[in-house]
Amino acid sequence: MYSHHDAKADTAQHAPEKADASGWSASLYNKNASFVYSPAFTTYVLDLLSAQPGERILDLGCGSGELTANIQKIVEQKEGGIVVGTDLSSSMLEKAKANGVKHAFIADAQDFELPKDRPEYPEQFDAVFSNAALHWCKRDPLGVLTSVRKVLKPGGRIAAEMGGFMNCVGVRAALHDVVRSKGRDPEEYDPWYFPSMEDYVKLLVTAGFEPTHISLTPRLTPLPTDMYDWLNTFARNTFLRDFSDEEASEIMREVQDRCRIDSRDASGKWALMYVRLRFSAIRKPDEGVQ
């Protein structure tokens, strides 16, 4: 059994790096989750976007900006090309700018407008891109798409990848069980929205989009270290936000122990089965809104 002494040791060994007001730390994210923006895992969604020189593209939930900077290089090959990043995290945007992203602003993807004090931003974009961000929009997933529609030109496109139905199903179930055992309702804390293809097509159509591609793709995702560090990056300041450091450490260690049989191989390497929802869609004319 995991002891009180072990919890103190883990809290010290895996001391959480300082997060911003949104709960994110760019340095922790880069350390434990660089696979999110790795070429091996982003080629497909970038191909869906198919950015072109001269285009105006909004990157919704740009994080630390590695992909944003790559798209920026493409569109700036022709006059008028611009990429604007958005993220809820000031820590992420600070890192994105350090990575060469020229234009970015803080925004909640579920309800955002373009800043009125930035005349260099286009009023409408040719495309909106998003990678590994929209599954954090549990409060109002339809609000994401209605906000996107407002900033897209008629006929403009969105291309995105996010967590989909059955994403990280083992670790999520373990989190629910352990949090429930602590006398809390896990449904109130769970920050993730992992829709099925059918559910997301309904959202796209309701928001006035014509889907052009949608797929649900299982993806084995090796972890850089162990499950504890993954949880410390993605769950500590979200799912476990109201627990003390010591309580959270105990929960994360217990979840890791529960997941060990399915998520760690004989050599000690950890992995998770991600399931990614990839989609692209075209903004219909105004009269096409349901």
C-alpha atoms as a PDB file:
ATOM      1  CA  MET A   1       0.000   0.000   0.000  1.00  0.00           C
ATOM      2  CA  TYR A   2       1.149   3.536  -0.782  1.00  0.00           C
ATOM      3  CA  SER A   3       2.137   5.193   2.514  1.00  0.00           C
ATOM      4  CA  HIS A   4       1.926   8.732   3.871  1.00  0.00           C
ATOM      5  CA  HIS A   5       5.744   8.816   3.912  1.00  0.00           C
ATOM      6  CA  ASP A   6       5.874   7.787   0.224  1.00  0.00           C
ATOM      7  CA  ALA A   7       3.473  10.600  -0.652  1.00  0.00           C
ATOM      8  CA  LYS A   8       5.801  13.158   0.936  1.00  0.00           C
ATOM      9  CA  ALA A   9       8.778  11.707  -0.926  1.00  0.00           C
ATOM     10  CA  ASP A  10       6.985  11.859  -4.267  1.00  0.00           C
ATOM     11  CA  THR A  11       5.821  15.412  -3.645  1.00  0.00           C
ATOM     12  CA  ALA A  12       9.453  16.414  -3.189  1.00  0.00           C
ATOM     13  CA  GLN A  13      10.826  14.315  -6.056  1.00  0.00           C
ATOM     14  CA  HIS A  14       8.166  15.457  -8.544  1.00  0.00           C
ATOM     15  CA  ALA A  15       7.697  18.979  -7.184  1.00  0.00           C
ATOM     16  CA  PRO A  16       5.196  20.725  -9.470  1.00  0.00           C
ATOM     17  CA  GLU A  17       6.664  23.516 -11.531  1.00  0.00           C
ATOM     18  CA  LYS A  18       4.916  26.835 -11.036  1.00  0.00           C
ATOM     19  CA  ALA A  19       1.795  27.065 -13.162  1.00  0.00           C
ATOM     20  CA  ASP A  20       0.082  30.226 -14.359  1.00  0.00           C
ATOM     21  CA  ALA A  21      -3.480  31.258 -13.531  1.00  0.00           C
ATOM     22  CA  SER A  22      -4.867  28.847 -16.118  1.00  0.00           C
ATOM     23  CA  GLY A  23      -3.091  25.911 -14.467  1.00  0.00           C
ATOM     24  CA  TRP A  24      -0.455  25.381 -17.166  1.00  0.00           C
ATOM     25  CA  SER A  25       3.340  25.468 -17.111  1.00  0.00           C
ATOM     26  CA  ALA A  26       5.028  25.608 -20.509  1.00  0.00           C
ATOM     27  CA  SER A  27       8.286  24.218 -19.137  1.00  0.00           C
ATOM     28  CA  LEU A  28       6.519  21.208 -17.587  1.00  0.00           C
ATOM     29  CA  TYR A  29       4.578  20.680 -20.815  1.00  0.00           C
ATOM     30  CA  ASN A  30       7.737  20.764 -22.936  1.00  0.00           C
ATOM     31  CA  LYS A  31       9.493  18.402 -20.538  1.00  0.00           C
ATOM     32  CA  ASN A  32       6.797  15.729 -20.286  1.00  0.00           C
ATOM     33  CA  ALA A  33       4.609  16.156 -23.367  1.00  0.00           C
ATOM     34  CA  SER A  34       6.778  17.136 -26.337  1.00  0.00           C
ATOM     35  CA  PHE A  35       5.243  14.194 -28.201  1.00  0.00           C
ATOM     36  CA  VAL A  36       2.098  16.340 -28.600  1.00  0.00           C
ATOM     37  CA  TYR A  37       3.784  18.505 -31.235  1.00  0.00           C
ATOM     38  CA  SER A  38       6.280  15.957 -32.587  1.00  0.00           C
ATOM     39  CA  PRO A  39       6.412  15.398 -36.384  1.00  0.00           C
ATOM     40  CA  ALA A  40       5.481  11.741 -35.876  1.00  0.00           C
ATOM     41  CA  PHE A  41       2.136  12.711 -34.361  1.00  0.00           C
ATOM     42  CA  THR A  42       1.258  15.934 -36.215  1.00  0.00           C
ATOM     43  CA  THR A  43       1.989  15.242 -39.889  1.00  0.00           C
ATOM     44  CA  TYR A  44      -1.557  14.096 -40.596  1.00  0.00           C
ATOM     45  CA  VAL A  45      -3.363  17.106 -39.112  1.00  0.00           C
ATOM     46  CA  LEU A  46      -0.901  19.493 -40.782  1.00  0.00           C
ATOM     47  CA  ASP A  47      -1.640  17.767 -44.071  1.00  0.00           C
ATOM     48  CA  LEU A  48      -5.362  18.272 -43.390  1.00  0.00           C
ATOM     49  CA  LEU A  49      -4.695  21.987 -42.949  1.00  0.00           C
ATOM     50  CA  SER A  50      -2.467  22.194 -46.045  1.00  0.00           C
ATOM     51  CA  ALA A  51      -1.331  25.737 -45.277  1.00  0.00           C
ATOM     52  CA  GLN A  52      -0.418  27.805 -48.340  1.00  0.00           C
ATOM     53  CA  PRO A  53       1.834  30.853 -48.811  1.00  0.00           C
ATOM     54  CA  GLY A  54      -0.109  34.071 -48.301  1.00  0.00           C
ATOM     55  CA  GLU A  55      -2.883  32.558 -46.202  1.00  0.00           C
ATOM     56  CA  ARG A  56      -4.272  34.006 -42.980  1.00  0.00           C
ATOM     57  CA  ILE A  57      -4.488  31.270 -40.340  1.00  0.00           C
ATOM     58  CA  LEU A  58      -5.625  31.266 -36.710  1.00  0.00           C
ATOM     59  CA  ASP A  59      -4.072  28.610 -34.452  1.00  0.00           C
ATOM     60  CA  LEU A  60      -6.607  27.893 -31.720  1.00  0.00           C
ATOM     61  CA  GLY A  61      -4.921  26.643 -28.551  1.00  0.00           C
ATOM     62  CA  CYS A  62      -1.417  27.079 -29.924  1.00  0.00           C
ATOM     63  CA  GLY A  63       0.327  26.014 -26.697  1.00  0.00           C
ATOM     64  CA  SER A  64       4.069  26.628 -26.744  1.00  0.00           C
ATOM     65  CA  GLY A  65       3.932  27.431 -30.446  1.00  0.00           C
ATOM     66  CA  GLU A  66       6.135  24.853 -32.156  1.00  0.00           C
ATOM     67  CA  LEU A  67       3.538  24.035 -34.821  1.00  0.00           C
ATOM     68  CA  THR A  68       2.422  27.657 -35.045  1.00  0.00           C
ATOM     69  CA  ALA A  69       5.954  28.733 -35.928  1.00  0.00           C
ATOM     70  CA  ASN A  70       6.175  26.048 -38.619  1.00  0.00           C
ATOM     71  CA  ILE A  71       2.895  27.162 -40.202  1.00  0.00           C
ATOM     72  CA  GLN A  72       4.097  30.761 -39.984  1.00  0.00           C
ATOM     73  CA  LYS A  73       7.132  29.908 -42.111  1.00  0.00           C
ATOM     74  CA  ILE A  74       4.870  28.562 -44.842  1.00  0.00           C
ATOM     75  CA  VAL A  75       2.320  31.368 -45.037  1.00  0.00           C
ATOM     76  CA  GLU A  76       4.909  34.158 -44.821  1.00  0.00           C
ATOM     77  CA  GLN A  77       6.492  33.012 -48.077  1.00  0.00           C
ATOM     78  CA  LYS A  78       3.937  35.264 -49.788  1.00  0.00           C
ATOM     79  CA  GLU A  79       2.841  38.800 -48.952  1.00  0.00           C
ATOM     80  CA  GLY A  80      -0.210  38.958 -46.709  1.00  0.00           C
ATOM     81  CA  GLY A  81       0.430  35.651 -45.033  1.00  0.00           C
ATOM     82  CA  ILE A  82      -0.029  35.712 -41.257  1.00  0.00           C
ATOM     83  CA  VAL A  83      -0.536  33.264 -38.411  1.00  0.00           C
ATOM     84  CA  VAL A  84      -2.169  34.353 -35.156  1.00  0.00           C
ATOM     85  CA  GLY A  85      -2.008  32.057 -32.142  1.00  0.00           C
ATOM     86  CA  THR A  86      -4.409  31.952 -29.223  1.00  0.00           C
ATOM     87  CA  ASP A  87      -4.182  30.175 -25.897  1.00  0.00           C
ATOM     88  CA  LEU A  88      -5.705  30.473 -22.439  1.00  0.00           C
ATOM     89  CA  SER A  89      -2.276  30.170 -20.824  1.00  0.00           C
ATOM     90  CA  SER A  90       0.075  33.129 -20.448  1.00  0.00           C
ATOM     91  CA  SER A  91       2.923  30.685 -19.760  1.00  0.00           C
ATOM     92  CA  MET A  92       2.295  28.939 -23.070  1.00  0.00           C
ATOM     93  CA  LEU A  93       2.078  32.198 -25.023  1.00  0.00           C
ATOM     94  CA  GLU A  94       5.300  33.481 -23.490  1.00  0.00           C
ATOM     95  CA  LYS A  95       7.031  30.312 -24.673  1.00  0.00           C
ATOM     96  CA  ALA A  96       5.342  30.528 -28.089  1.00  0.00           C
ATOM     97  CA  LYS A  97       6.733  34.012 -28.606  1.00  0.00           C
ATOM     98  CA  ALA A  98      10.176  32.760 -27.549  1.00  0.00           C
ATOM     99  CA  ASN A  99       9.775  30.080 -30.215  1.00  0.00           C
ATOM    100  CA  GLY A 100       9.277  32.725 -32.883  1.00  0.00           C
ATOM    101  CA  VAL A 101       5.499  33.153 -33.003  1.00  0.00           C
ATOM    102  CA  LYS A 102       4.962  36.802 -33.956  1.00  0.00           C
ATOM    103  CA  HIS A 103       1.269  37.227 -33.226  1.00  0.00           C
ATOM    104  CA  ALA A 104      -0.630  35.717 -30.293  1.00  0.00           C
ATOM    105  CA  PHE A 105      -3.227  36.666 -27.710  1.00  0.00           C
ATOM    106  CA  ILE A 106      -4.883  35.115 -24.658  1.00  0.00           C
ATOM    107  CA  ALA A 107      -8.344  33.725 -25.331  1.00  0.00           C
ATOM    108  CA  ASP A 108     -10.744  31.014 -24.208  1.00  0.00           C
ATOM    109  CA  ALA A 109     -11.430  28.908 -27.300  1.00  0.00           C
ATOM    110  CA  GLN A 110     -15.033  28.414 -26.159  1.00  0.00           C
ATOM    111  CA  ASP A 111     -15.890  32.103 -26.432  1.00  0.00           C
ATOM    112  CA  PHE A 112     -13.432  34.425 -28.103  1.00  0.00           C
ATOM    113  CA  GLU A 113     -13.256  37.471 -30.331  1.00  0.00           C
ATOM    114  CA  LEU A 114     -10.302  39.014 -32.121  1.00  0.00           C
ATOM    115  CA  PRO A 115      -8.700  41.903 -30.199  1.00  0.00           C
ATOM    116  CA  LYS A 116      -9.910  45.263 -31.467  1.00  0.00           C
ATOM    117  CA  ASP A 117      -6.592  46.956 -30.677  1.00  0.00           C
ATOM    118  CA  ARG A 118      -4.584  44.820 -33.120  1.00  0.00           C
ATOM    119  CA  PRO A 119      -5.193  46.286 -36.591  1.00  0.00           C
ATOM    120  CA  GLU A 120      -2.578  43.948 -38.077  1.00  0.00           C
ATOM    121  CA  TYR A 121      -4.884  40.988 -37.410  1.00  0.00           C
ATOM    122  CA  PRO A 122      -7.226  40.168 -40.305  1.00  0.00           C
ATOM    123  CA  GLU A 123     -10.954  40.507 -39.697  1.00  0.00           C
ATOM    124  CA  GLN A 124     -11.483  37.077 -41.233  1.00  0.00           C
ATOM    125  CA  PHE A 125      -9.159  34.126 -41.699  1.00  0.00           C
ATOM    126  CA  ASP A 126      -8.733  31.646 -44.508  1.00  0.00           C
ATOM    127  CA  ALA A 127      -8.351  28.781 -42.054  1.00  0.00           C
ATOM    128  CA  VAL A 128      -8.397  27.831 -38.390  1.00  0.00           C
ATOM    129  CA  PHE A 129      -6.055  25.151 -37.098  1.00  0.00           C
ATOM    130  CA  SER A 130      -6.006  23.333 -33.761  1.00  0.00           C
ATOM    131  CA  ASN A 131      -3.948  20.490 -32.343  1.00  0.00           C
ATOM    132  CA  ALA A 132      -4.498  18.793 -28.977  1.00  0.00           C
ATOM    133  CA  ALA A 133      -6.540  21.660 -27.556  1.00  0.00           C
ATOM    134  CA  LEU A 134     -10.257  21.252 -28.196  1.00  0.00           C
ATOM    135  CA  HIS A 135     -10.686  18.296 -25.833  1.00  0.00           C
ATOM    136  CA  TRP A 136     -10.074  20.807 -23.018  1.00  0.00           C
ATOM    137  CA  CYS A 137     -13.255  22.653 -24.061  1.00  0.00           C
ATOM    138  CA  LYS A 138     -15.750  20.608 -22.081  1.00  0.00           C
ATOM    139  CA  ARG A 139     -17.761  23.603 -20.854  1.00  0.00           C
ATOM    140  CA  ASP A 140     -18.967  24.646 -24.309  1.00  0.00           C
ATOM    141  CA  PRO A 141     -17.707  22.635 -27.305  1.00  0.00           C
ATOM    142  CA  LEU A 142     -20.349  24.202 -29.552  1.00  0.00           C
ATOM    143  CA  GLY A 143     -19.112  27.631 -28.449  1.00  0.00           C
ATOM    144  CA  VAL A 144     -15.722  26.752 -29.943  1.00  0.00           C
ATOM    145  CA  LEU A 145     -17.245  26.219 -33.372  1.00  0.00           C
ATOM    146  CA  THR A 146     -19.553  29.232 -33.272  1.00  0.00           C
ATOM    147  CA  SER A 147     -16.579  31.415 -32.300  1.00  0.00           C
ATOM    148  CA  VAL A 148     -14.497  29.897 -35.105  1.00  0.00           C
ATOM    149  CA  ARG A 149     -17.269  30.546 -37.600  1.00  0.00           C
ATOM    150  CA  LYS A 150     -17.255  34.261 -36.744  1.00  0.00           C
ATOM    151  CA  VAL A 151     -13.583  34.662 -37.653  1.00  0.00           C
ATOM    152  CA  LEU A 152     -13.592  32.501 -40.795  1.00  0.00           C
ATOM    153  CA  LYS A 153     -14.360  33.876 -44.222  1.00  0.00           C
ATOM    154  CA  PRO A 154     -17.242  32.179 -46.087  1.00  0.00           C
ATOM    155  CA  GLY A 155     -15.787  29.006 -47.534  1.00  0.00           C
ATOM    156  CA  GLY A 156     -12.941  29.105 -45.029  1.00  0.00           C
ATOM    157  CA  ARG A 157     -11.850  25.868 -43.420  1.00  0.00           C
ATOM    158  CA  ILE A 158     -11.026  24.400 -40.046  1.00  0.00           C
ATOM    159  CA  ALA A 159      -8.607  21.495 -39.601  1.00  0.00           C
ATOM    160  CA  ALA A 160      -8.051  20.031 -36.161  1.00  0.00           C
ATOM    161  CA  GLU A 161      -7.026  17.068 -34.068  1.00  0.00           C
ATOM    162  CA  MET A 162      -8.202  16.424 -30.520  1.00  0.00           C
ATOM    163  CA  GLY A 163      -8.854  13.628 -28.081  1.00  0.00           C
ATOM    164  CA  GLY A 164     -11.770  11.472 -29.186  1.00  0.00           C
ATOM    165  CA  PHE A 165     -14.072   8.783 -27.871  1.00  0.00           C
ATOM    166  CA  MET A 166     -12.206   6.284 -25.599  1.00  0.00           C
ATOM    167  CA  ASN A 167      -9.072   8.453 -25.425  1.00  0.00           C
ATOM    168  CA  CYS A 168      -6.863   7.463 -22.449  1.00  0.00           C
ATOM    169  CA  VAL A 169      -9.726   5.303 -21.232  1.00  0.00           C
ATOM    170  CA  GLY A 170      -7.755   3.344 -18.608  1.00  0.00           C
ATOM    171  CA  VAL A 171      -6.118   6.255 -16.838  1.00  0.00           C
ATOM    172  CA  ARG A 172      -9.288   8.329 -16.957  1.00  0.00           C
ATOM    173  CA  ALA A 173     -11.288   5.521 -15.343  1.00  0.00           C
ATOM    174  CA  ALA A 174      -8.625   5.123 -12.662  1.00  0.00           C
ATOM    175  CA  LEU A 175      -8.715   8.854 -11.912  1.00  0.00           C
ATOM    176  CA  HIS A 176     -12.488   8.702 -11.519  1.00  0.00           C
ATOM    177  CA  ASP A 177     -12.255   5.728  -9.146  1.00  0.00           C
ATOM    178  CA  VAL A 178      -9.540   7.211  -6.938  1.00  0.00           C
ATOM    179  CA  VAL A 179     -11.090  10.692  -6.763  1.00  0.00           C
ATOM    180  CA  ARG A 180     -14.440   9.104  -5.893  1.00  0.00           C
ATOM    181  CA  SER A 181     -12.749   7.121  -3.116  1.00  0.00           C
ATOM    182  CA  LYS A 182     -11.641  10.465  -1.630  1.00  0.00           C
ATOM    183  CA  GLY A 183     -15.276  11.524  -1.263  1.00  0.00           C
ATOM    184  CA  ARG A 184     -15.322  13.821  -4.328  1.00  0.00           C
ATOM    185  CA  ASP A 185     -17.495  13.635  -7.442  1.00  0.00           C
ATOM    186  CA  PRO A 186     -15.084  13.030 -10.351  1.00  0.00           C
ATOM    187  CA  GLU A 187     -17.605  14.304 -12.895  1.00  0.00           C
ATOM    188  CA  GLU A 188     -17.255  17.776 -11.372  1.00  0.00           C
ATOM    189  CA  TYR A 189     -13.470  17.699 -11.791  1.00  0.00           C
ATOM    190  CA  ASP A 190     -12.979  15.841 -15.070  1.00  0.00           C
ATOM    191  CA  PRO A 191     -11.808  18.524 -17.556  1.00  0.00           C
ATOM    192  CA  TRP A 192     -11.911  16.431 -20.736  1.00  0.00           C
ATOM    193  CA  TYR A 193     -14.313  16.281 -23.653  1.00  0.00           C
ATOM    194  CA  PHE A 194     -13.727  13.222 -25.865  1.00  0.00           C
ATOM    195  CA  PRO A 195     -16.542  13.065 -28.444  1.00  0.00           C
ATOM    196  CA  SER A 196     -17.438  10.342 -30.911  1.00  0.00           C
ATOM    197  CA  MET A 197     -17.378  11.065 -34.633  1.00  0.00           C
ATOM    198  CA  GLU A 198     -21.178  11.120 -34.727  1.00  0.00           C
ATOM    199  CA  ASP A 199     -21.425  13.594 -31.870  1.00  0.00           C
ATOM    200  CA  TYR A 200     -18.870  15.933 -33.387  1.00  0.00           C
ATOM    201  CA  VAL A 201     -20.429  15.854 -36.847  1.00  0.00           C
ATOM    202  CA  LYS A 202     -23.674  17.025 -35.235  1.00  0.00           C
ATOM    203  CA  LEU A 203     -21.823  19.933 -33.618  1.00  0.00           C
ATOM    204  CA  LEU A 204     -20.159  20.927 -36.890  1.00  0.00           C
ATOM    205  CA  VAL A 205     -23.439  20.907 -38.796  1.00  0.00           C
ATOM    206  CA  THR A 206     -25.248  22.808 -36.030  1.00  0.00           C
ATOM    207  CA  ALA A 207     -22.549  25.496 -36.100  1.00  0.00           C
ATOM    208  CA  GLY A 208     -22.834  25.938 -39.859  1.00  0.00           C
ATOM    209  CA  PHE A 209     -19.983  23.794 -41.156  1.00  0.00           C
ATOM    210  CA  GLU A 210     -19.844  21.145 -43.839  1.00  0.00           C
ATOM    211  CA  PRO A 211     -17.575  18.312 -42.661  1.00  0.00           C
ATOM    212  CA  THR A 212     -15.040  17.225 -45.267  1.00  0.00           C
ATOM    213  CA  HIS A 213     -13.140  14.665 -43.200  1.00  0.00           C
ATOM    214  CA  ILE A 214     -13.583  13.007 -39.847  1.00  0.00           C
ATOM    215  CA  SER A 215     -11.819   9.980 -38.391  1.00  0.00           C
ATOM    216  CA  LEU A 216     -11.174   8.341 -35.045  1.00  0.00           C
ATOM    217  CA  THR A 217      -7.636   6.942 -34.862  1.00  0.00           C
ATOM    218  CA  PRO A 218      -6.146   4.863 -32.014  1.00  0.00           C
ATOM    219  CA  ARG A 219      -2.502   5.815 -31.399  1.00  0.00           C
ATOM    220  CA  LEU A 220      -0.059   4.192 -29.044  1.00  0.00           C
ATOM    221  CA  THR A 221       1.743   7.060 -27.321  1.00  0.00           C
ATOM    222  CA  PRO A 222       5.034   6.314 -25.522  1.00  0.00           C
ATOM    223  CA  LEU A 223       5.537   8.449 -22.411  1.00  0.00           C
ATOM    224  CA  PRO A 224       8.913  10.151 -21.832  1.00  0.00           C
ATOM    225  CA  THR A 225       9.088   8.969 -18.216  1.00  0.00           C
ATOM    226  CA  ASP A 226       6.198   7.408 -16.321  1.00  0.00           C
ATOM    227  CA  MET A 227       2.477   7.798 -15.702  1.00  0.00           C
ATOM    228  CA  TYR A 228       3.102  10.013 -12.678  1.00  0.00           C
ATOM    229  CA  ASP A 229       4.779  12.712 -14.779  1.00  0.00           C
ATOM    230  CA  TRP A 230       1.993  12.497 -17.382  1.00  0.00           C
ATOM    231  CA  LEU A 231      -0.570  13.010 -14.621  1.00  0.00           C
ATOM    232  CA  ASN A 232       1.501  15.822 -13.117  1.00  0.00           C
ATOM    233  CA  THR A 233       1.416  17.585 -16.481  1.00  0.00           C
ATOM    234  CA  PHE A 234      -2.192  17.018 -17.530  1.00  0.00           C
ATOM    235  CA  ALA A 235      -4.185  16.288 -14.370  1.00  0.00           C
ATOM    236  CA  ARG A 236      -2.518  17.965 -11.378  1.00  0.00           C
ATOM    237  CA  ASN A 237      -3.812  21.478 -12.097  1.00  0.00           C
ATOM    238  CA  THR A 238      -7.028  20.392 -13.811  1.00  0.00           C
ATOM    239  CA  PHE A 239      -8.596  17.183 -12.543  1.00  0.00           C
ATOM    240  CA  LEU A 240      -6.802  17.447  -9.176  1.00  0.00           C
ATOM    241  CA  ARG A 241      -6.821  21.227  -8.868  1.00  0.00           C
ATOM    242  CA  ASP A 242      -8.587  21.328  -5.480  1.00  0.00           C
ATOM    243  CA  PHE A 243      -6.306  18.794  -3.781  1.00  0.00           C
ATOM    244  CA  SER A 244      -3.202  19.703  -1.805  1.00  0.00           C
ATOM    245  CA  ASP A 245       0.188  18.759  -3.268  1.00  0.00           C
ATOM    246  CA  GLU A 246       0.448  15.853  -0.863  1.00  0.00           C
ATOM    247  CA  GLU A 247      -3.072  14.598  -1.619  1.00  0.00           C
ATOM    248  CA  ALA A 248      -2.560  14.971  -5.357  1.00  0.00           C
ATOM    249  CA  SER A 249       0.746  13.117  -5.206  1.00  0.00           C
ATOM    250  CA  GLU A 250      -0.921  10.241  -3.384  1.00  0.00           C
ATOM    251  CA  ILE A 251      -3.720  10.099  -5.963  1.00  0.00           C
ATOM    252  CA  MET A 252      -1.332  10.206  -8.921  1.00  0.00           C
ATOM    253  CA  ARG A 253       0.796   7.427  -7.460  1.00  0.00           C
ATOM    254  CA  GLU A 254      -2.272   5.276  -6.844  1.00  0.00           C
ATOM    255  CA  VAL A 255      -3.508   5.872 -10.379  1.00  0.00           C
ATOM    256  CA  GLN A 256      -0.080   4.929 -11.723  1.00  0.00           C
ATOM    257  CA  ASP A 257      -0.143   1.707  -9.696  1.00  0.00           C
ATOM    258  CA  ARG A 258      -3.582   0.833 -11.081  1.00  0.00           C
ATOM    259  CA  CYS A 259      -2.478   1.489 -14.666  1.00  0.00           C
ATOM    260  CA  ARG A 260       0.835  -0.339 -14.389  1.00  0.00           C
ATOM    261  CA  ILE A 261      -0.478  -3.687 -15.657  1.00  0.00           C
ATOM    262  CA  ASP A 262      -1.757  -2.196 -18.936  1.00  0.00           C
ATOM    263  CA  SER A 263       0.536   0.780 -19.485  1.00  0.00           C
ATOM    264  CA  ARG A 264       4.059  -0.439 -18.650  1.00  0.00           C
ATOM    265  CA  ASP A 265       5.910  -3.104 -20.608  1.00  0.00           C
ATOM    266  CA  ALA A 266       8.402  -5.658 -19.304  1.00  0.00           C
ATOM    267  CA  SER A 267      11.336  -3.294 -19.879  1.00  0.00           C
ATOM    268  CA  GLY A 268       9.729  -0.568 -17.743  1.00  0.00           C
ATOM    269  CA  LYS A 269       8.607   1.743 -20.573  1.00  0.00           C
ATOM    270  CA  TRP A 270       5.271   3.484 -20.156  1.00  0.00           C
ATOM    271  CA  ALA A 271       2.701   4.213 -22.867  1.00  0.00           C
ATOM    272  CA  LEU A 272      -0.928   5.288 -23.228  1.00  0.00           C
ATOM    273  CA  MET A 273      -3.453   4.462 -25.895  1.00  0.00           C
ATOM    274  CA  TYR A 274      -4.548   7.816 -27.250  1.00  0.00           C
ATOM    275  CA  VAL A 275      -7.533   7.986 -29.585  1.00  0.00           C
ATOM    276  CA  ARG A 276      -7.457  11.040 -31.834  1.00  0.00           C
ATOM    277  CA  LEU A 277     -10.436  12.670 -33.501  1.00  0.00           C
ATOM    278  CA  ARG A 278      -9.249  14.361 -36.691  1.00  0.00           C
ATOM    279  CA  PHE A 279     -11.551  16.513 -38.741  1.00  0.00           C
ATOM    280  CA  SER A 280     -11.771  19.198 -41.350  1.00  0.00           C
ATOM    281  CA  ALA A 281     -14.792  21.253 -42.360  1.00  0.00           C
ATOM    282  CA  ILE A 282     -15.813  24.195 -44.531  1.00  0.00           C
ATOM    283  CA  ARG A 283     -17.708  27.236 -43.264  1.00  0.00           C
ATOM    284  CA  LYS A 284     -21.074  27.347 -45.027  1.00  0.00           C
ATOM    285  CA  PRO A 285     -22.607  30.623 -46.196  1.00  0.00           C
ATOM    286  CA  ASP A 286     -24.701  32.392 -43.563  1.00  0.00           C
ATOM    287  CA  GLU A 287     -27.951  31.032 -44.927  1.00  0.00           C
ATOM    288  CA  GLY A 288     -26.688  27.508 -44.286  1.00  0.00           C
ATOM    289  CA  VAL A 289     -26.729  27.869 -40.495  1.00  0.00           C
ATOM    290  CA  GLN A 290     -29.322  25.623 -38.868  1.00  0.00           C
END
